[in-house]
N, C-alpha and C. Protein backbone atom coordinates (compact mmCIF):
# COMPACT_ATOMS: atom_id res chain seq x y z
N MET A 1 60.57 86.63 -1.63
CA MET A 1 61.64 85.59 -1.53
C MET A 1 62.21 85.50 -2.76
N THR A 2 63.52 84.76 -2.42
CA THR A 2 64.43 84.51 -3.86
C THR A 2 63.69 83.11 -4.49
N HIS A 3 63.35 83.37 -5.74
CA HIS A 3 62.79 82.28 -6.57
C HIS A 3 64.04 81.59 -7.42
N LEU A 4 64.26 80.33 -7.27
CA LEU A 4 65.26 79.79 -7.79
C LEU A 4 64.84 78.82 -9.00
N PRO A 5 65.64 78.48 -9.79
CA PRO A 5 65.32 77.63 -11.06
C PRO A 5 64.81 76.29 -10.64
N PRO A 6 63.94 75.60 -11.16
CA PRO A 6 63.06 74.53 -10.84
C PRO A 6 64.09 73.46 -10.54
N ARG A 7 63.57 72.71 -9.69
CA ARG A 7 64.59 71.21 -9.17
C ARG A 7 63.69 70.22 -9.65
N SER A 8 64.19 69.23 -10.54
CA SER A 8 63.39 68.14 -11.08
C SER A 8 63.20 67.05 -9.95
N VAL A 9 62.27 66.62 -9.86
CA VAL A 9 61.93 65.36 -8.90
C VAL A 9 61.87 63.99 -9.76
N ASP A 10 62.75 62.93 -9.61
CA ASP A 10 62.35 61.72 -10.22
C ASP A 10 61.31 60.85 -9.40
N ALA A 11 60.14 60.78 -10.34
CA ALA A 11 59.02 60.18 -9.82
C ALA A 11 59.25 58.58 -9.62
N ARG A 12 60.20 58.00 -10.10
CA ARG A 12 60.47 56.67 -9.89
C ARG A 12 61.25 56.58 -8.58
N ALA A 13 62.01 57.52 -7.99
CA ALA A 13 62.55 57.56 -6.74
C ALA A 13 61.69 58.05 -5.76
N HIS A 14 60.72 58.81 -6.03
CA HIS A 14 59.76 59.45 -5.16
C HIS A 14 58.31 59.31 -5.66
N PRO A 15 57.81 57.98 -5.76
CA PRO A 15 56.44 57.89 -6.37
C PRO A 15 55.48 58.85 -6.06
N THR A 16 55.35 59.22 -4.72
CA THR A 16 54.34 60.32 -4.51
C THR A 16 54.35 61.42 -5.20
N ALA A 17 55.54 61.80 -5.87
CA ALA A 17 55.67 63.07 -6.85
C ALA A 17 54.54 62.96 -7.81
N ALA A 18 54.15 61.94 -8.37
CA ALA A 18 53.20 61.91 -9.45
C ALA A 18 51.69 62.10 -9.00
N THR A 19 51.51 62.18 -7.52
CA THR A 19 50.25 62.58 -6.99
C THR A 19 50.17 64.16 -6.86
N ALA A 20 51.11 64.71 -7.00
CA ALA A 20 51.19 66.27 -6.77
C ALA A 20 51.88 67.13 -7.74
N PRO A 21 51.31 67.24 -8.74
CA PRO A 21 51.98 67.96 -10.00
C PRO A 21 52.74 69.19 -9.51
N TYR A 22 53.78 69.50 -10.18
CA TYR A 22 54.47 70.61 -9.77
C TYR A 22 54.89 71.37 -11.34
N SER A 23 54.58 72.64 -11.36
CA SER A 23 54.60 73.25 -12.54
C SER A 23 55.92 73.60 -13.15
N GLY A 24 57.17 73.76 -12.19
CA GLY A 24 58.36 74.03 -12.86
C GLY A 24 58.59 75.26 -13.47
N ALA A 25 57.60 76.28 -13.37
CA ALA A 25 57.79 77.72 -14.08
C ALA A 25 58.34 78.48 -13.18
N PRO A 26 58.90 79.26 -13.41
CA PRO A 26 59.51 80.44 -12.45
C PRO A 26 58.33 81.23 -11.87
N ALA A 27 58.50 81.69 -10.50
CA ALA A 27 57.37 82.36 -9.78
C ALA A 27 57.36 83.82 -10.66
N GLY A 28 56.16 84.27 -10.66
CA GLY A 28 55.93 85.55 -11.44
C GLY A 28 55.56 85.39 -12.86
N CYS A 29 55.79 84.00 -13.30
CA CYS A 29 55.52 83.78 -14.67
C CYS A 29 54.33 82.67 -14.77
N ALA A 30 53.45 82.78 -15.68
CA ALA A 30 52.33 81.82 -15.84
C ALA A 30 52.41 81.06 -17.07
N MET A 31 52.08 79.84 -16.93
CA MET A 31 52.14 78.92 -18.24
C MET A 31 50.75 79.08 -18.68
N SER A 32 50.50 79.14 -19.87
CA SER A 32 49.00 79.29 -20.42
C SER A 32 48.92 78.14 -21.61
N SER A 33 47.75 77.53 -21.46
CA SER A 33 47.44 76.70 -22.66
C SER A 33 45.97 77.13 -23.06
N GLY A 34 45.75 78.25 -23.59
CA GLY A 34 44.57 78.75 -23.70
C GLY A 34 43.77 78.29 -25.19
N ARG A 35 44.47 77.48 -25.88
CA ARG A 35 43.97 77.06 -26.97
C ARG A 35 42.56 76.38 -26.81
N ALA A 36 42.36 75.65 -25.81
CA ALA A 36 41.19 75.01 -25.46
C ALA A 36 40.03 76.12 -25.28
N VAL A 37 40.40 77.15 -24.46
CA VAL A 37 39.37 78.28 -24.32
C VAL A 37 39.05 78.75 -25.38
N PHE A 38 40.09 79.11 -26.50
CA PHE A 38 39.82 79.77 -27.75
C PHE A 38 38.79 78.88 -28.29
N GLU A 39 38.85 77.65 -28.61
CA GLU A 39 38.06 76.71 -29.34
C GLU A 39 36.61 76.63 -28.74
N ALA A 40 36.62 76.83 -27.36
CA ALA A 40 35.34 76.86 -26.87
C ALA A 40 34.54 78.06 -27.13
N GLN A 41 35.51 79.31 -27.31
CA GLN A 41 34.66 80.52 -27.79
C GLN A 41 34.11 80.33 -29.02
N LEU A 42 34.92 79.73 -30.08
CA LEU A 42 34.26 79.59 -31.20
C LEU A 42 33.10 78.78 -31.25
N ILE A 43 33.20 77.76 -30.45
CA ILE A 43 31.87 76.85 -30.43
C ILE A 43 30.69 77.70 -29.97
N TRP A 44 30.84 78.38 -28.86
CA TRP A 44 29.90 79.24 -28.45
C TRP A 44 29.34 80.29 -29.16
N LYS A 45 30.18 80.84 -29.87
CA LYS A 45 30.01 81.86 -31.01
C LYS A 45 29.05 81.13 -31.95
N ALA A 46 29.42 79.98 -32.50
CA ALA A 46 28.43 79.34 -33.46
C ALA A 46 27.13 79.22 -33.03
N ARG A 47 27.06 78.94 -31.66
CA ARG A 47 25.68 78.60 -31.06
C ARG A 47 24.95 79.86 -30.74
N GLY A 48 25.65 80.98 -30.86
CA GLY A 48 24.85 82.38 -30.56
C GLY A 48 24.63 82.48 -29.02
N GLU A 49 25.59 81.85 -28.20
CA GLU A 49 25.56 81.90 -26.77
C GLU A 49 26.50 83.15 -26.35
N ASN A 50 26.34 83.47 -24.99
CA ASN A 50 27.24 84.49 -24.51
C ASN A 50 28.66 83.64 -24.28
N ILE A 51 29.78 84.43 -24.74
CA ILE A 51 30.98 83.66 -24.70
C ILE A 51 31.38 83.03 -23.43
N MET A 52 31.49 83.94 -22.34
CA MET A 52 32.05 83.27 -21.01
C MET A 52 31.89 84.46 -20.01
N ALA A 53 32.14 84.10 -18.71
CA ALA A 53 32.43 85.09 -17.73
C ALA A 53 33.62 84.76 -17.24
N GLU A 54 34.46 85.97 -16.73
CA GLU A 54 35.83 85.89 -16.37
C GLU A 54 36.08 86.41 -15.15
N LYS A 55 36.85 85.97 -14.22
CA LYS A 55 37.10 86.45 -12.95
C LYS A 55 38.79 86.55 -12.92
N ILE A 56 39.25 87.73 -12.45
CA ILE A 56 40.60 87.79 -12.26
C ILE A 56 40.85 87.84 -10.75
N ILE A 57 41.87 86.93 -10.42
CA ILE A 57 42.01 86.80 -8.91
C ILE A 57 43.51 86.94 -8.68
N ASP A 58 43.77 87.49 -7.25
CA ASP A 58 45.11 87.36 -6.88
C ASP A 58 45.17 86.32 -5.84
N VAL A 59 46.01 85.26 -5.87
CA VAL A 59 46.35 84.21 -5.12
C VAL A 59 47.33 84.43 -4.25
N THR A 60 47.59 84.40 -2.86
CA THR A 60 48.53 84.74 -2.14
C THR A 60 48.92 83.74 -1.01
N LEU A 61 50.21 83.20 -1.06
CA LEU A 61 50.62 82.45 0.24
C LEU A 61 51.08 83.57 1.18
N ALA A 62 50.11 83.73 2.33
CA ALA A 62 50.55 84.65 3.15
C ALA A 62 51.52 84.35 4.22
N SER A 63 51.42 83.13 4.68
CA SER A 63 52.33 82.82 5.76
C SER A 63 52.38 81.26 5.84
N ILE A 64 53.53 80.86 6.66
CA ILE A 64 53.59 79.40 6.88
C ILE A 64 53.89 79.26 8.55
N THR A 65 53.12 78.36 9.12
CA THR A 65 53.19 78.12 10.60
C THR A 65 53.43 76.69 11.14
N ASN A 66 54.56 76.64 11.69
CA ASN A 66 54.90 75.35 12.26
C ASN A 66 53.91 74.97 13.31
N THR A 67 53.24 73.87 13.21
CA THR A 67 52.00 73.27 13.98
C THR A 67 52.45 72.10 14.72
N GLY A 68 53.77 71.72 14.45
CA GLY A 68 54.29 70.40 14.97
C GLY A 68 55.13 70.62 16.14
N THR A 69 55.91 69.64 16.52
CA THR A 69 56.82 69.83 17.55
C THR A 69 58.25 69.76 17.15
N ARG A 70 58.46 69.72 15.82
CA ARG A 70 59.83 69.64 15.49
C ARG A 70 60.08 70.67 14.41
N SER A 71 61.07 71.19 14.19
CA SER A 71 61.50 72.29 13.08
C SER A 71 60.95 71.59 11.57
N VAL A 72 60.52 72.45 10.82
CA VAL A 72 60.08 72.07 9.40
C VAL A 72 60.94 73.11 8.41
N SER A 73 61.36 72.36 7.28
CA SER A 73 62.12 73.12 6.14
C SER A 73 61.76 72.46 4.95
N PRO A 74 60.47 72.67 4.58
CA PRO A 74 59.90 72.21 3.44
C PRO A 74 60.69 72.71 2.02
N TYR A 75 60.94 71.79 1.16
CA TYR A 75 61.62 72.17 0.00
C TYR A 75 60.79 71.56 -1.11
N GLY A 76 60.83 72.08 -2.29
CA GLY A 76 59.83 71.89 -3.51
C GLY A 76 58.95 73.15 -3.86
N GLY A 77 57.83 72.77 -4.30
CA GLY A 77 57.02 74.08 -4.82
C GLY A 77 55.55 73.97 -4.46
N ILE A 78 54.99 75.11 -4.33
CA ILE A 78 53.35 75.22 -4.26
C ILE A 78 53.03 76.10 -5.38
N SER A 79 51.79 75.53 -6.07
CA SER A 79 51.57 76.34 -7.40
C SER A 79 50.02 76.74 -7.08
N ALA A 80 49.71 77.96 -7.73
CA ALA A 80 48.39 78.29 -7.93
C ALA A 80 48.06 78.02 -9.30
N ARG A 81 46.82 77.44 -9.72
CA ARG A 81 46.47 77.15 -10.91
C ARG A 81 45.13 77.29 -11.32
N SER A 82 44.94 77.63 -12.66
CA SER A 82 43.41 77.64 -13.08
C SER A 82 43.38 76.42 -13.98
N VAL A 83 42.57 75.58 -13.57
CA VAL A 83 42.42 74.26 -14.14
C VAL A 83 40.91 73.89 -14.67
N ARG A 84 40.69 72.91 -15.65
CA ARG A 84 39.49 72.47 -16.03
C ARG A 84 38.84 71.74 -14.93
N VAL A 85 37.61 71.99 -14.55
CA VAL A 85 36.77 71.47 -13.46
C VAL A 85 36.73 69.90 -13.78
N LYS A 86 36.42 69.50 -15.17
CA LYS A 86 36.15 68.25 -15.37
C LYS A 86 37.31 67.43 -15.48
N ASP A 87 38.62 68.03 -15.60
CA ASP A 87 39.73 67.30 -15.55
C ASP A 87 40.88 68.32 -14.96
N PRO A 88 41.09 68.25 -13.54
CA PRO A 88 41.92 69.27 -13.00
C PRO A 88 43.53 68.92 -13.51
N GLY A 89 43.65 67.89 -14.18
CA GLY A 89 45.04 67.57 -14.72
C GLY A 89 45.51 68.43 -15.90
N GLN A 90 44.36 69.08 -16.41
CA GLN A 90 44.49 70.16 -17.66
C GLN A 90 44.71 71.63 -17.00
N THR A 91 45.99 72.22 -17.02
CA THR A 91 46.19 73.60 -16.48
C THR A 91 46.07 74.52 -17.53
N PHE A 92 45.46 75.66 -17.30
CA PHE A 92 45.36 76.91 -18.23
C PHE A 92 46.33 77.82 -18.02
N GLN A 93 46.52 78.07 -16.56
CA GLN A 93 47.74 79.17 -15.92
C GLN A 93 48.28 78.51 -14.91
N SER A 94 49.36 78.81 -14.69
CA SER A 94 49.94 78.21 -13.42
C SER A 94 51.13 79.28 -12.81
N GLY A 95 51.20 79.51 -11.66
CA GLY A 95 52.25 80.38 -11.17
C GLY A 95 52.74 79.67 -9.68
N LEU A 96 53.95 79.90 -9.52
CA LEU A 96 54.40 79.38 -8.20
C LEU A 96 54.36 80.44 -6.93
N LEU A 97 53.77 79.95 -5.94
CA LEU A 97 53.74 80.67 -4.69
C LEU A 97 54.90 80.58 -3.70
N TYR A 98 55.56 79.46 -3.99
CA TYR A 98 56.71 78.88 -3.09
C TYR A 98 57.63 78.09 -3.89
N TYR A 99 58.86 78.22 -3.77
CA TYR A 99 60.03 77.39 -4.43
C TYR A 99 61.04 77.39 -3.72
N VAL A 100 61.71 76.32 -3.18
CA VAL A 100 62.82 76.12 -2.53
C VAL A 100 63.60 74.92 -2.82
N GLU A 101 64.98 75.02 -3.07
CA GLU A 101 65.68 73.96 -3.22
C GLU A 101 66.07 73.20 -2.05
N ALA A 102 66.45 72.02 -2.11
CA ALA A 102 66.95 71.12 -0.88
C ALA A 102 68.11 71.79 -0.35
N GLY A 103 68.10 71.97 0.95
CA GLY A 103 69.07 72.52 1.76
C GLY A 103 69.49 74.13 1.41
N LYS A 104 68.55 74.74 0.88
CA LYS A 104 68.66 76.08 0.68
C LYS A 104 67.87 76.80 1.73
N PRO A 105 67.98 78.16 1.85
CA PRO A 105 67.04 78.89 2.85
C PRO A 105 65.56 78.74 2.31
N ILE A 106 64.68 78.78 3.20
CA ILE A 106 63.25 78.65 2.97
C ILE A 106 62.56 80.01 2.89
N HIS A 107 63.32 81.07 3.04
CA HIS A 107 62.57 82.46 3.14
C HIS A 107 63.99 83.54 2.94
N GLU A 108 63.30 84.51 2.33
CA GLU A 108 64.30 85.75 1.98
C GLU A 108 65.16 86.10 3.11
N SER A 109 64.70 85.83 4.27
CA SER A 109 65.53 86.36 5.42
C SER A 109 66.83 85.53 5.66
N GLY A 110 66.81 84.30 4.87
CA GLY A 110 68.02 83.56 5.02
C GLY A 110 67.79 82.16 6.18
N VAL A 111 66.80 82.24 6.56
CA VAL A 111 66.48 81.03 7.60
C VAL A 111 66.41 79.72 6.83
N LEU A 112 66.75 78.75 7.61
CA LEU A 112 66.78 77.35 6.99
C LEU A 112 65.65 76.59 7.39
N SER A 113 64.94 76.94 8.48
CA SER A 113 63.81 76.31 9.12
C SER A 113 62.89 77.00 9.85
N ILE A 114 61.76 76.45 10.27
CA ILE A 114 60.66 77.19 11.17
C ILE A 114 60.61 76.30 12.34
N LYS A 115 60.77 76.87 13.51
CA LYS A 115 60.61 76.24 14.74
C LYS A 115 59.17 76.06 15.28
N PRO A 116 59.02 74.96 16.04
CA PRO A 116 57.67 74.80 16.51
C PRO A 116 57.03 76.00 17.04
N GLY A 117 55.74 76.27 16.55
CA GLY A 117 54.95 77.43 17.11
C GLY A 117 55.26 78.62 16.32
N LYS A 118 56.34 78.84 15.53
CA LYS A 118 56.77 80.10 14.99
C LYS A 118 56.17 80.08 13.42
N SER A 119 56.31 81.32 12.89
CA SER A 119 55.75 81.57 11.51
C SER A 119 56.58 82.39 10.71
N LEU A 120 56.29 82.33 9.38
CA LEU A 120 57.13 83.08 8.58
C LEU A 120 56.30 83.72 7.56
N THR A 121 56.27 84.97 7.17
CA THR A 121 55.37 85.69 6.41
C THR A 121 56.09 85.70 4.97
N TYR A 122 55.22 85.36 3.94
CA TYR A 122 55.78 85.25 2.60
C TYR A 122 55.12 86.39 1.66
N ASN A 123 53.72 86.47 1.63
CA ASN A 123 53.14 87.47 0.73
C ASN A 123 53.46 87.23 -0.79
N SER A 124 53.59 85.98 -0.98
CA SER A 124 53.86 85.65 -2.52
C SER A 124 52.59 85.48 -3.28
N THR A 125 52.34 86.39 -4.25
CA THR A 125 51.16 86.36 -4.97
C THR A 125 51.22 86.02 -6.56
N GLN A 126 50.23 85.45 -7.08
CA GLN A 126 50.12 85.08 -8.33
C GLN A 126 48.72 85.58 -8.83
N ARG A 127 48.64 86.24 -10.06
CA ARG A 127 47.39 86.64 -10.67
C ARG A 127 46.89 85.71 -11.62
N LEU A 128 45.67 85.19 -11.58
CA LEU A 128 45.13 84.20 -12.51
C LEU A 128 43.71 84.75 -12.97
N SER A 129 43.50 84.25 -14.28
CA SER A 129 42.09 84.26 -15.00
C SER A 129 41.40 83.09 -14.77
N ILE A 130 40.34 83.15 -14.40
CA ILE A 130 39.51 81.90 -14.44
C ILE A 130 38.20 82.09 -15.09
N PHE A 131 37.84 81.25 -16.08
CA PHE A 131 36.75 81.47 -16.98
C PHE A 131 35.49 80.43 -16.69
N HIS A 132 34.28 80.69 -17.01
CA HIS A 132 33.09 79.95 -16.82
C HIS A 132 32.32 80.15 -17.98
N PHE A 133 31.87 79.09 -18.44
CA PHE A 133 30.77 79.37 -19.55
C PHE A 133 29.32 79.19 -19.12
N ASP A 134 28.84 78.00 -18.56
CA ASP A 134 27.54 77.76 -18.23
C ASP A 134 27.50 76.64 -17.48
N ALA A 135 26.59 76.65 -16.54
CA ALA A 135 26.49 75.30 -15.39
C ALA A 135 26.32 74.10 -16.22
N LEU A 136 25.61 74.18 -17.39
CA LEU A 136 25.40 73.05 -18.30
C LEU A 136 26.16 73.02 -19.41
N GLU A 137 27.36 73.67 -19.51
CA GLU A 137 28.26 73.71 -20.43
C GLU A 137 28.66 72.03 -20.78
N SER A 138 28.59 71.69 -21.95
CA SER A 138 28.81 70.24 -22.25
C SER A 138 30.29 70.04 -22.70
N GLY A 139 30.98 71.04 -23.13
CA GLY A 139 32.19 70.80 -23.65
C GLY A 139 33.30 70.73 -22.51
N GLY A 140 33.03 71.01 -21.25
CA GLY A 140 33.74 70.68 -20.03
C GLY A 140 34.85 71.80 -19.95
N PHE A 141 34.83 73.03 -20.46
CA PHE A 141 35.80 74.03 -20.43
C PHE A 141 35.82 74.88 -19.30
N ASN A 142 34.70 74.79 -18.37
CA ASN A 142 34.68 75.55 -16.97
C ASN A 142 35.84 75.28 -16.18
N GLN A 143 36.30 76.32 -15.40
CA GLN A 143 37.60 76.39 -14.89
C GLN A 143 37.45 76.66 -13.37
N MET A 144 38.11 76.26 -12.50
CA MET A 144 38.31 76.52 -11.18
C MET A 144 39.88 76.89 -10.64
N LEU A 145 39.91 77.36 -9.38
CA LEU A 145 41.24 77.68 -9.01
C LEU A 145 41.72 76.37 -8.23
N MET A 146 42.74 75.94 -8.36
CA MET A 146 43.43 74.86 -7.62
C MET A 146 44.86 75.15 -7.09
N ILE A 147 45.02 74.85 -5.66
CA ILE A 147 46.26 74.97 -5.26
C ILE A 147 46.95 73.52 -4.92
N ASP A 148 48.13 73.22 -5.40
CA ASP A 148 48.64 71.97 -5.20
C ASP A 148 50.06 72.21 -4.76
N SER A 149 50.73 71.04 -4.37
CA SER A 149 52.14 71.06 -3.86
C SER A 149 52.86 69.93 -4.13
N SER A 150 54.26 70.05 -4.35
CA SER A 150 55.03 68.93 -4.29
C SER A 150 56.30 69.34 -3.32
N LEU A 151 56.08 68.98 -2.02
CA LEU A 151 56.98 69.55 -0.94
C LEU A 151 57.68 68.30 -0.39
N TRP A 152 58.84 68.29 0.15
CA TRP A 152 59.59 67.33 0.65
C TRP A 152 60.11 67.75 2.12
N GLN A 153 60.68 66.83 2.85
CA GLN A 153 61.29 67.12 4.20
C GLN A 153 62.56 66.25 4.22
N HIS A 154 63.63 66.82 4.51
CA HIS A 154 64.91 65.93 4.83
C HIS A 154 64.85 65.70 6.14
N MET A 155 64.91 64.38 6.54
CA MET A 155 64.86 63.82 7.84
C MET A 155 65.97 62.92 8.13
N VAL A 156 66.83 63.39 9.12
CA VAL A 156 67.89 62.38 9.60
C VAL A 156 67.37 61.29 10.64
N THR A 157 67.81 60.05 10.27
CA THR A 157 67.54 58.84 10.81
C THR A 157 68.74 58.24 11.59
N THR A 158 68.39 57.18 12.06
CA THR A 158 69.52 56.32 12.82
C THR A 158 70.41 55.86 11.91
N GLY A 159 69.87 55.26 10.73
CA GLY A 159 70.75 54.66 9.78
C GLY A 159 71.20 55.55 8.61
N GLY A 160 70.76 56.82 8.70
CA GLY A 160 71.22 57.81 7.43
C GLY A 160 70.15 58.97 7.52
N SER A 161 69.57 58.95 6.27
CA SER A 161 68.51 60.20 6.27
C SER A 161 67.56 59.71 5.05
N ASN A 162 66.48 60.54 5.04
CA ASN A 162 65.44 60.12 4.23
C ASN A 162 64.69 61.41 3.74
N GLU A 163 64.35 61.33 2.46
CA GLU A 163 63.62 62.58 1.81
C GLU A 163 62.00 62.09 1.81
N THR A 164 61.24 62.83 2.75
CA THR A 164 59.92 62.43 3.06
C THR A 164 58.94 63.50 2.44
N PHE A 165 57.92 62.93 1.74
CA PHE A 165 57.02 63.74 1.17
C PHE A 165 55.79 64.32 1.95
N TYR A 166 55.60 65.65 1.66
CA TYR A 166 54.49 66.33 2.48
C TYR A 166 53.26 65.92 1.87
N PHE A 167 52.29 65.33 2.76
CA PHE A 167 50.93 65.03 2.20
C PHE A 167 49.94 66.25 2.49
N ALA A 168 49.21 66.69 1.49
CA ALA A 168 48.33 67.85 1.72
C ALA A 168 47.01 67.78 1.09
N GLY A 169 47.13 67.04 -0.10
CA GLY A 169 45.86 67.03 -1.17
C GLY A 169 45.80 68.39 -2.14
N ARG A 170 44.84 68.65 -2.56
CA ARG A 170 44.84 69.67 -3.46
C ARG A 170 43.53 70.48 -3.08
N LYS A 171 43.96 71.81 -2.91
CA LYS A 171 42.75 72.75 -2.52
C LYS A 171 41.95 73.25 -3.90
N LYS A 172 40.71 73.03 -3.94
CA LYS A 172 39.97 73.43 -4.92
C LYS A 172 38.79 74.53 -4.72
N VAL A 173 38.81 75.43 -5.56
CA VAL A 173 37.83 76.51 -5.22
C VAL A 173 37.01 76.81 -6.66
N PHE A 174 35.80 76.58 -6.42
CA PHE A 174 34.86 76.85 -7.79
C PHE A 174 34.67 78.13 -8.10
N PHE A 175 34.44 78.38 -9.49
CA PHE A 175 34.20 79.79 -10.03
C PHE A 175 33.15 80.72 -9.29
N VAL A 176 32.12 79.95 -8.76
CA VAL A 176 31.10 80.71 -8.12
C VAL A 176 31.47 81.14 -6.58
N ASP A 177 32.47 80.53 -6.05
CA ASP A 177 32.90 80.93 -4.83
C ASP A 177 34.11 81.79 -4.70
N LEU A 178 34.48 82.17 -5.94
CA LEU A 178 35.54 83.26 -6.08
C LEU A 178 35.00 84.76 -5.88
N GLU A 179 34.73 84.98 -4.74
CA GLU A 179 33.94 86.44 -4.66
C GLU A 179 34.61 87.18 -3.42
N GLY A 180 34.76 88.49 -3.61
CA GLY A 180 35.33 89.35 -2.64
C GLY A 180 36.86 88.86 -2.21
N PHE A 181 37.05 89.06 -0.79
CA PHE A 181 38.46 88.61 -0.27
C PHE A 181 38.39 87.55 0.73
N PHE A 182 38.87 86.43 0.83
CA PHE A 182 38.83 85.50 1.84
C PHE A 182 40.25 84.84 1.93
N ASP A 183 40.36 84.24 3.19
CA ASP A 183 41.67 83.46 3.38
C ASP A 183 41.11 82.08 3.94
N PHE A 184 42.21 81.08 3.91
CA PHE A 184 41.91 79.78 4.35
C PHE A 184 43.17 79.17 4.62
N PRO A 185 43.40 78.28 5.61
CA PRO A 185 44.48 77.47 6.14
C PRO A 185 44.51 76.12 5.38
N TRP A 186 45.70 75.60 5.10
CA TRP A 186 45.72 74.47 4.72
C TRP A 186 47.17 73.48 5.41
N SER A 187 46.58 72.34 5.61
CA SER A 187 47.74 71.68 6.49
C SER A 187 48.58 70.72 5.74
N TYR A 188 49.80 70.59 5.98
CA TYR A 188 50.60 69.68 5.51
C TYR A 188 51.42 68.72 6.52
N ARG A 189 51.78 67.56 6.15
CA ARG A 189 52.31 66.69 7.13
C ARG A 189 53.07 65.62 6.50
N ALA A 190 54.31 65.51 6.97
CA ALA A 190 55.32 64.52 6.52
C ALA A 190 55.55 63.61 7.68
N GLN A 191 55.76 62.24 7.43
CA GLN A 191 56.32 61.32 8.57
C GLN A 191 57.03 60.29 8.15
N TYR A 192 58.14 60.06 8.95
CA TYR A 192 58.70 58.78 8.52
C TYR A 192 59.24 58.14 9.91
N GLU A 193 58.79 56.94 10.12
CA GLU A 193 59.04 56.20 11.20
C GLU A 193 58.39 56.95 12.20
N ASP A 194 59.06 57.52 13.29
CA ASP A 194 58.65 58.38 14.38
C ASP A 194 58.68 59.77 14.31
N ASP A 195 59.29 60.05 13.22
CA ASP A 195 59.55 61.42 12.94
C ASP A 195 58.48 62.25 12.20
N GLU A 196 57.71 63.00 12.97
CA GLU A 196 56.44 63.67 12.12
C GLU A 196 56.75 65.23 12.05
N ARG A 197 56.59 65.63 10.86
CA ARG A 197 56.60 67.22 10.80
C ARG A 197 55.46 67.68 10.22
N LYS A 198 54.92 68.62 10.77
CA LYS A 198 53.78 69.45 10.42
C LYS A 198 53.67 70.98 10.32
N PHE A 199 53.09 71.65 9.42
CA PHE A 199 52.89 72.83 9.28
C PHE A 199 51.54 73.32 8.55
N GLU A 200 51.29 74.70 8.72
CA GLU A 200 49.92 75.01 8.11
C GLU A 200 50.32 76.39 7.32
N ALA A 201 49.75 76.16 6.00
CA ALA A 201 49.98 77.46 5.14
C ALA A 201 48.79 78.19 5.09
N ASN A 202 48.86 79.45 5.19
CA ASN A 202 47.62 80.41 5.14
C ASN A 202 47.55 81.18 3.74
N TYR A 203 46.42 81.09 3.05
CA TYR A 203 46.20 81.38 1.66
C TYR A 203 45.22 82.47 1.82
N THR A 204 45.37 83.41 0.81
CA THR A 204 44.35 84.57 0.57
C THR A 204 43.80 84.49 -0.78
N VAL A 205 42.61 84.82 -1.05
CA VAL A 205 42.06 85.11 -2.35
C VAL A 205 41.42 86.21 -2.79
N ASN A 206 41.80 87.07 -3.67
CA ASN A 206 41.44 88.49 -3.71
C ASN A 206 40.75 88.68 -5.36
N LEU A 207 39.27 88.96 -5.25
CA LEU A 207 38.77 88.97 -6.39
C LEU A 207 39.08 90.31 -7.02
N ILE A 208 39.94 90.45 -8.35
CA ILE A 208 40.24 91.91 -8.66
C ILE A 208 39.15 92.36 -9.62
N SER A 209 38.61 91.63 -10.45
CA SER A 209 37.57 92.01 -11.39
C SER A 209 36.81 90.85 -11.89
N SER A 210 35.58 91.15 -12.17
CA SER A 210 34.64 90.00 -12.78
C SER A 210 33.93 90.75 -13.89
N SER A 211 33.74 89.77 -15.05
CA SER A 211 32.98 90.26 -16.14
C SER A 211 32.35 89.14 -16.89
N GLY A 212 31.16 89.43 -17.61
CA GLY A 212 30.49 88.41 -18.23
C GLY A 212 29.26 87.93 -17.49
């Protein structure tokens, strides 16, 4: 799909935006804040401990299926992140799996929406490194995979229109569970008055390598 420059969201106008962080980095790029990991390495070297274990994974948005009764055209972004287990707000790497501006096509085919019961294939992939020190590691540098989103739906109402947030929560996968190849669905729902929109995104995770 075509990845466009990030669209900023005013959290004052859309308070729910604060509950679903959005990286704003172009897809295919990863933002890294590896200083904390580097500092943890120094600490563990001083202790004479094993430095860490690392897993390299490919995270893919495989498809989106409309599970509701009205067309969906989500805009905004979906990110795959390596985050700190003890503080998911701290991101070490982040890459976009989906990014669409309001009113723009939601797929490289040029379609603007997905009809009820229909699906679109994306196969958008980001590669991330996830690190793990020890189950009892006191510094709190252990990492996990997290998928989060900031998605919106334009809804036409009797009195005009409304930009409605898709609620989905955050999918978290711990280091120990990043094994082999697996997939999972994740549901998204937006509702304004009597207008409800729903879709399901299907994700895959593939372990590329493991060390340590």
